[in-house]
Amino acid sequence: MDADAAPRIRVEVAYALPERQRIVALEVPRGTTVFQAAERSGLATQFDGIDLESAKMGIFGKVVANPRTQVLEDGDRVEIYRPLRADPKDARKARARKAASAKD
């Protein structure tokens, strides 16, 4: 059975910037992986800076360890995450230092 004749499922792929976001609804063959859905969504061509090879991805807010092998279920929403600009721990420490120095 070829992949296009396989039973199909519906999924969404989402990407967001602070000023713009997009969710693409797809119907894909059962057995499609997170990475394959991200590729099929076309979002990498609609937003500058998406590198699917290195981007972290998740399903409904839970990071997926290996998007190339994680198979999707009907109704899943794939999320492509932007790289963090700063490490959250470092940012928290910097805010704490700034707050402490403001009290002096």
N, C-alpha and C. Protein backbone atom coordinates (compact mmCIF):
# COMPACT_ATOMS: atom_id res chain seq x y z
N MET A 1 0.86 -1.18 0.00
CA MET A 1 0.00 0.00 0.00
C MET A 1 0.90 1.23 0.00
N ASP A 2 0.67 2.16 -0.93
CA ASP A 2 1.52 3.35 -0.93
C ASP A 2 1.04 4.34 0.12
N ALA A 3 1.92 5.27 0.51
CA ALA A 3 1.65 6.18 1.63
C ALA A 3 0.39 7.00 1.42
N ASP A 4 0.10 7.37 0.16
CA ASP A 4 -1.08 8.21 -0.08
C ASP A 4 -2.38 7.42 0.03
N ALA A 5 -2.31 6.09 -0.05
CA ALA A 5 -3.52 5.27 0.07
C ALA A 5 -3.77 4.86 1.52
N ALA A 6 -2.83 5.13 2.40
CA ALA A 6 -2.97 4.78 3.81
C ALA A 6 -4.10 5.59 4.45
N PRO A 7 -4.71 5.05 5.52
CA PRO A 7 -5.72 5.83 6.23
C PRO A 7 -5.11 7.18 6.65
N ARG A 8 -5.94 8.21 6.64
CA ARG A 8 -5.44 9.55 6.90
C ARG A 8 -5.92 10.07 8.24
N ILE A 9 -5.13 10.98 8.81
CA ILE A 9 -5.48 11.64 10.06
C ILE A 9 -5.39 13.14 9.86
N ARG A 10 -6.06 13.87 10.74
CA ARG A 10 -6.02 15.33 10.68
C ARG A 10 -5.14 15.84 11.82
N VAL A 11 -4.21 16.73 11.47
CA VAL A 11 -3.33 17.34 12.46
C VAL A 11 -3.19 18.82 12.13
N GLU A 12 -2.64 19.56 13.07
CA GLU A 12 -2.33 20.97 12.84
C GLU A 12 -0.86 21.19 13.14
N VAL A 13 -0.28 22.17 12.46
CA VAL A 13 1.10 22.57 12.73
C VAL A 13 1.07 24.07 13.01
N ALA A 14 1.68 24.47 14.13
CA ALA A 14 1.63 25.87 14.56
C ALA A 14 3.03 26.45 14.72
N TYR A 15 3.14 27.75 14.40
CA TYR A 15 4.36 28.51 14.64
C TYR A 15 3.93 29.93 14.99
N ALA A 16 4.62 30.54 15.94
CA ALA A 16 4.22 31.88 16.36
C ALA A 16 5.42 32.76 16.66
N LEU A 17 5.28 34.00 16.24
CA LEU A 17 6.18 35.08 16.63
C LEU A 17 5.34 36.01 17.49
N PRO A 18 5.95 36.93 18.22
CA PRO A 18 5.13 37.83 19.04
C PRO A 18 4.07 38.59 18.24
N GLU A 19 4.40 38.94 17.00
CA GLU A 19 3.48 39.76 16.20
C GLU A 19 2.71 38.98 15.14
N ARG A 20 3.01 37.72 14.96
CA ARG A 20 2.36 36.97 13.88
C ARG A 20 2.40 35.48 14.21
N GLN A 21 1.29 34.80 13.98
CA GLN A 21 1.25 33.36 14.18
C GLN A 21 0.44 32.71 13.07
N ARG A 22 0.66 31.42 12.92
CA ARG A 22 -0.05 30.68 11.87
C ARG A 22 -0.25 29.25 12.32
N ILE A 23 -1.43 28.73 12.07
CA ILE A 23 -1.74 27.32 12.30
C ILE A 23 -2.21 26.75 10.97
N VAL A 24 -1.58 25.67 10.55
CA VAL A 24 -1.92 25.04 9.27
C VAL A 24 -2.56 23.68 9.57
N ALA A 25 -3.76 23.49 9.05
CA ALA A 25 -4.45 22.20 9.19
C ALA A 25 -4.02 21.30 8.03
N LEU A 26 -3.70 20.06 8.38
CA LEU A 26 -3.26 19.10 7.37
C LEU A 26 -4.02 17.78 7.52
N GLU A 27 -4.16 17.09 6.42
CA GLU A 27 -4.62 15.71 6.44
C GLU A 27 -3.44 14.90 5.91
N VAL A 28 -2.92 14.01 6.76
CA VAL A 28 -1.70 13.27 6.43
C VAL A 28 -1.94 11.78 6.61
N PRO A 29 -1.09 10.96 5.98
CA PRO A 29 -1.23 9.51 6.17
C PRO A 29 -0.92 9.12 7.61
N ARG A 30 -1.67 8.14 8.14
CA ARG A 30 -1.36 7.60 9.46
C ARG A 30 0.10 7.14 9.41
N GLY A 31 0.86 7.40 10.48
CA GLY A 31 2.27 7.05 10.50
C GLY A 31 3.19 8.24 10.23
N THR A 32 2.59 9.40 9.91
CA THR A 32 3.38 10.61 9.68
C THR A 32 4.03 11.05 10.98
N THR A 33 5.28 11.49 10.88
CA THR A 33 6.01 11.93 12.06
C THR A 33 5.83 13.44 12.27
N VAL A 34 6.23 13.89 13.44
CA VAL A 34 6.19 15.32 13.77
C VAL A 34 6.98 16.11 12.73
N PHE A 35 8.18 15.65 12.42
CA PHE A 35 9.05 16.35 11.46
C PHE A 35 8.40 16.40 10.08
N GLN A 36 7.85 15.29 9.63
CA GLN A 36 7.21 15.26 8.31
C GLN A 36 6.04 16.23 8.24
N ALA A 37 5.24 16.31 9.29
CA ALA A 37 4.11 17.25 9.31
C ALA A 37 4.62 18.69 9.26
N ALA A 38 5.69 18.97 10.00
CA ALA A 38 6.27 20.32 9.99
C ALA A 38 6.73 20.67 8.58
N GLU A 39 7.36 19.74 7.90
CA GLU A 39 7.79 19.97 6.52
C GLU A 39 6.60 20.22 5.60
N ARG A 40 5.58 19.38 5.71
CA ARG A 40 4.40 19.50 4.83
C ARG A 40 3.61 20.78 5.07
N SER A 41 3.74 21.34 6.27
CA SER A 41 2.97 22.55 6.59
C SER A 41 3.37 23.75 5.75
N GLY A 42 4.61 23.77 5.29
CA GLY A 42 5.09 24.91 4.51
C GLY A 42 5.46 26.12 5.36
N LEU A 43 5.37 26.01 6.67
CA LEU A 43 5.65 27.15 7.54
C LEU A 43 7.09 27.64 7.43
N ALA A 44 8.02 26.74 7.15
CA ALA A 44 9.43 27.13 7.03
C ALA A 44 9.65 28.11 5.88
N THR A 45 8.77 28.08 4.89
CA THR A 45 8.90 29.03 3.77
C THR A 45 8.12 30.32 4.03
N GLN A 46 7.23 30.31 5.02
CA GLN A 46 6.41 31.48 5.31
C GLN A 46 7.01 32.39 6.38
N PHE A 47 7.95 31.85 7.16
CA PHE A 47 8.59 32.61 8.23
C PHE A 47 10.10 32.53 8.05
N ASP A 48 10.76 33.68 8.07
CA ASP A 48 12.22 33.68 8.03
C ASP A 48 12.76 33.10 9.33
N GLY A 49 13.82 32.36 9.23
CA GLY A 49 14.49 31.90 10.43
C GLY A 49 14.07 30.55 10.97
N ILE A 50 13.08 29.89 10.36
CA ILE A 50 12.74 28.54 10.83
C ILE A 50 13.71 27.56 10.18
N ASP A 51 14.45 26.85 11.01
CA ASP A 51 15.34 25.80 10.54
C ASP A 51 14.80 24.49 11.11
N LEU A 52 14.03 23.78 10.32
CA LEU A 52 13.40 22.56 10.81
C LEU A 52 14.41 21.51 11.26
N GLU A 53 15.61 21.55 10.70
CA GLU A 53 16.64 20.58 11.09
C GLU A 53 17.05 20.75 12.55
N SER A 54 17.04 21.99 13.05
CA SER A 54 17.50 22.22 14.42
C SER A 54 16.40 22.70 15.38
N ALA A 55 15.23 23.03 14.85
CA ALA A 55 14.16 23.55 15.70
C ALA A 55 13.63 22.49 16.66
N LYS A 56 13.36 22.92 17.88
CA LYS A 56 12.66 22.04 18.82
C LYS A 56 11.20 22.01 18.41
N MET A 57 10.56 20.87 18.60
CA MET A 57 9.15 20.71 18.25
C MET A 57 8.45 19.99 19.38
N GLY A 58 7.14 20.19 19.44
CA GLY A 58 6.36 19.53 20.47
C GLY A 58 4.97 19.23 19.97
N ILE A 59 4.23 18.52 20.83
CA ILE A 59 2.83 18.22 20.57
C ILE A 59 2.05 18.75 21.76
N PHE A 60 1.15 19.69 21.52
CA PHE A 60 0.35 20.31 22.57
C PHE A 60 1.20 20.76 23.76
N GLY A 61 2.32 21.45 23.48
CA GLY A 61 3.12 22.04 24.54
C GLY A 61 4.12 21.13 25.20
N LYS A 62 4.20 19.88 24.80
CA LYS A 62 5.19 18.95 25.36
C LYS A 62 6.27 18.71 24.32
N VAL A 63 7.51 19.06 24.66
CA VAL A 63 8.62 18.90 23.73
C VAL A 63 8.78 17.42 23.37
N VAL A 64 9.01 17.18 22.10
CA VAL A 64 9.22 15.83 21.58
C VAL A 64 10.73 15.62 21.45
N ALA A 65 11.24 14.53 22.03
CA ALA A 65 12.67 14.26 22.01
C ALA A 65 13.21 14.05 20.60
N ASN A 66 12.48 13.32 19.76
CA ASN A 66 12.94 13.06 18.40
C ASN A 66 11.80 13.24 17.41
N PRO A 67 11.65 14.44 16.86
CA PRO A 67 10.55 14.70 15.92
C PRO A 67 10.56 13.81 14.68
N ARG A 68 11.72 13.28 14.32
CA ARG A 68 11.82 12.43 13.13
C ARG A 68 11.24 11.03 13.35
N THR A 69 11.07 10.63 14.61
CA THR A 69 10.53 9.28 14.86
C THR A 69 9.19 9.30 15.60
N GLN A 70 8.83 10.44 16.19
CA GLN A 70 7.56 10.54 16.94
C GLN A 70 6.39 10.57 15.96
N VAL A 71 5.57 9.54 16.01
CA VAL A 71 4.42 9.42 15.10
C VAL A 71 3.23 10.17 15.68
N LEU A 72 2.51 10.85 14.82
CA LEU A 72 1.35 11.66 15.24
C LEU A 72 0.08 10.82 15.36
N GLU A 73 -0.80 11.31 16.22
CA GLU A 73 -2.14 10.73 16.38
C GLU A 73 -3.15 11.71 15.76
N ASP A 74 -4.31 11.19 15.41
CA ASP A 74 -5.37 12.05 14.88
C ASP A 74 -5.68 13.16 15.87
N GLY A 75 -5.72 14.40 15.39
CA GLY A 75 -6.07 15.54 16.22
C GLY A 75 -4.90 16.23 16.89
N ASP A 76 -3.67 15.70 16.74
CA ASP A 76 -2.50 16.33 17.37
C ASP A 76 -2.22 17.71 16.77
N ARG A 77 -1.63 18.57 17.60
CA ARG A 77 -1.14 19.87 17.13
C ARG A 77 0.36 19.91 17.34
N VAL A 78 1.09 19.97 16.23
CA VAL A 78 2.54 20.09 16.26
C VAL A 78 2.89 21.56 16.46
N GLU A 79 3.83 21.83 17.35
CA GLU A 79 4.28 23.20 17.57
C GLU A 79 5.77 23.26 17.24
N ILE A 80 6.13 24.22 16.43
CA ILE A 80 7.53 24.47 16.11
C ILE A 80 7.97 25.62 17.00
N TYR A 81 8.99 25.39 17.82
CA TYR A 81 9.40 26.39 18.80
C TYR A 81 10.54 27.26 18.27
N ARG A 82 10.48 28.53 18.63
CA ARG A 82 11.55 29.47 18.30
C ARG A 82 12.71 29.24 19.27
N PRO A 83 13.93 29.48 18.83
CA PRO A 83 15.05 29.37 19.78
C PRO A 83 14.93 30.45 20.85
N LEU A 84 15.34 30.13 22.05
CA LEU A 84 15.31 31.12 23.13
C LEU A 84 16.40 32.15 22.90
N ARG A 85 16.09 33.40 23.18
CA ARG A 85 17.10 34.46 23.04
C ARG A 85 18.05 34.46 24.22
N ALA A 86 17.55 34.07 25.38
CA ALA A 86 18.37 34.01 26.59
C ALA A 86 17.98 32.79 27.39
N ASP A 87 18.94 32.23 28.08
CA ASP A 87 18.66 31.10 28.96
C ASP A 87 17.74 31.59 30.07
N PRO A 88 16.61 30.92 30.32
CA PRO A 88 15.67 31.38 31.36
C PRO A 88 16.30 31.53 32.74
N LYS A 89 17.21 30.62 33.08
CA LYS A 89 17.86 30.72 34.40
C LYS A 89 18.73 31.98 34.47
N ASP A 90 19.49 32.24 33.41
CA ASP A 90 20.33 33.44 33.39
C ASP A 90 19.48 34.71 33.44
N ALA A 91 18.37 34.72 32.71
CA ALA A 91 17.49 35.89 32.71
C ALA A 91 16.91 36.13 34.10
N ARG A 92 16.51 35.05 34.79
CA ARG A 92 15.98 35.18 36.15
C ARG A 92 17.03 35.73 37.11
N LYS A 93 18.26 35.22 37.00
CA LYS A 93 19.35 35.70 37.85
C LYS A 93 19.61 37.19 37.59
N ALA A 94 19.61 37.59 36.33
CA ALA A 94 19.85 39.00 35.99
C ALA A 94 18.75 39.89 36.57
N ARG A 95 17.49 39.45 36.49
CA ARG A 95 16.40 40.23 37.07
C ARG A 95 16.55 40.34 38.58
N ALA A 96 16.96 39.26 39.23
CA ALA A 96 17.16 39.26 40.69
C ALA A 96 18.28 40.22 41.07
N ARG A 97 19.38 40.20 40.31
CA ARG A 97 20.50 41.13 40.59
C ARG A 97 20.04 42.58 40.41
N LYS A 98 19.27 42.82 39.36
CA LYS A 98 18.80 44.18 39.09
C LYS A 98 17.86 44.65 40.21
N ALA A 99 16.97 43.76 40.65
CA ALA A 99 16.04 44.11 41.74
C ALA A 99 16.80 44.37 43.04
N ALA A 100 17.83 43.57 43.32
CA ALA A 100 18.63 43.73 44.53
C ALA A 100 19.39 45.05 44.50
N SER A 101 19.94 45.39 43.34
CA SER A 101 20.71 46.65 43.26
C SER A 101 19.79 47.88 43.31
N ALA A 102 18.55 47.71 42.89
CA ALA A 102 17.60 48.83 42.93
C ALA A 102 17.20 49.15 44.37
N LYS A 103 17.25 48.14 45.26
CA LYS A 103 16.90 48.32 46.67
C LYS A 103 17.99 49.07 47.42
N ASP A 104 19.24 49.01 46.92
CA ASP A 104 20.37 49.66 47.61
C ASP A 104 20.32 51.15 47.54
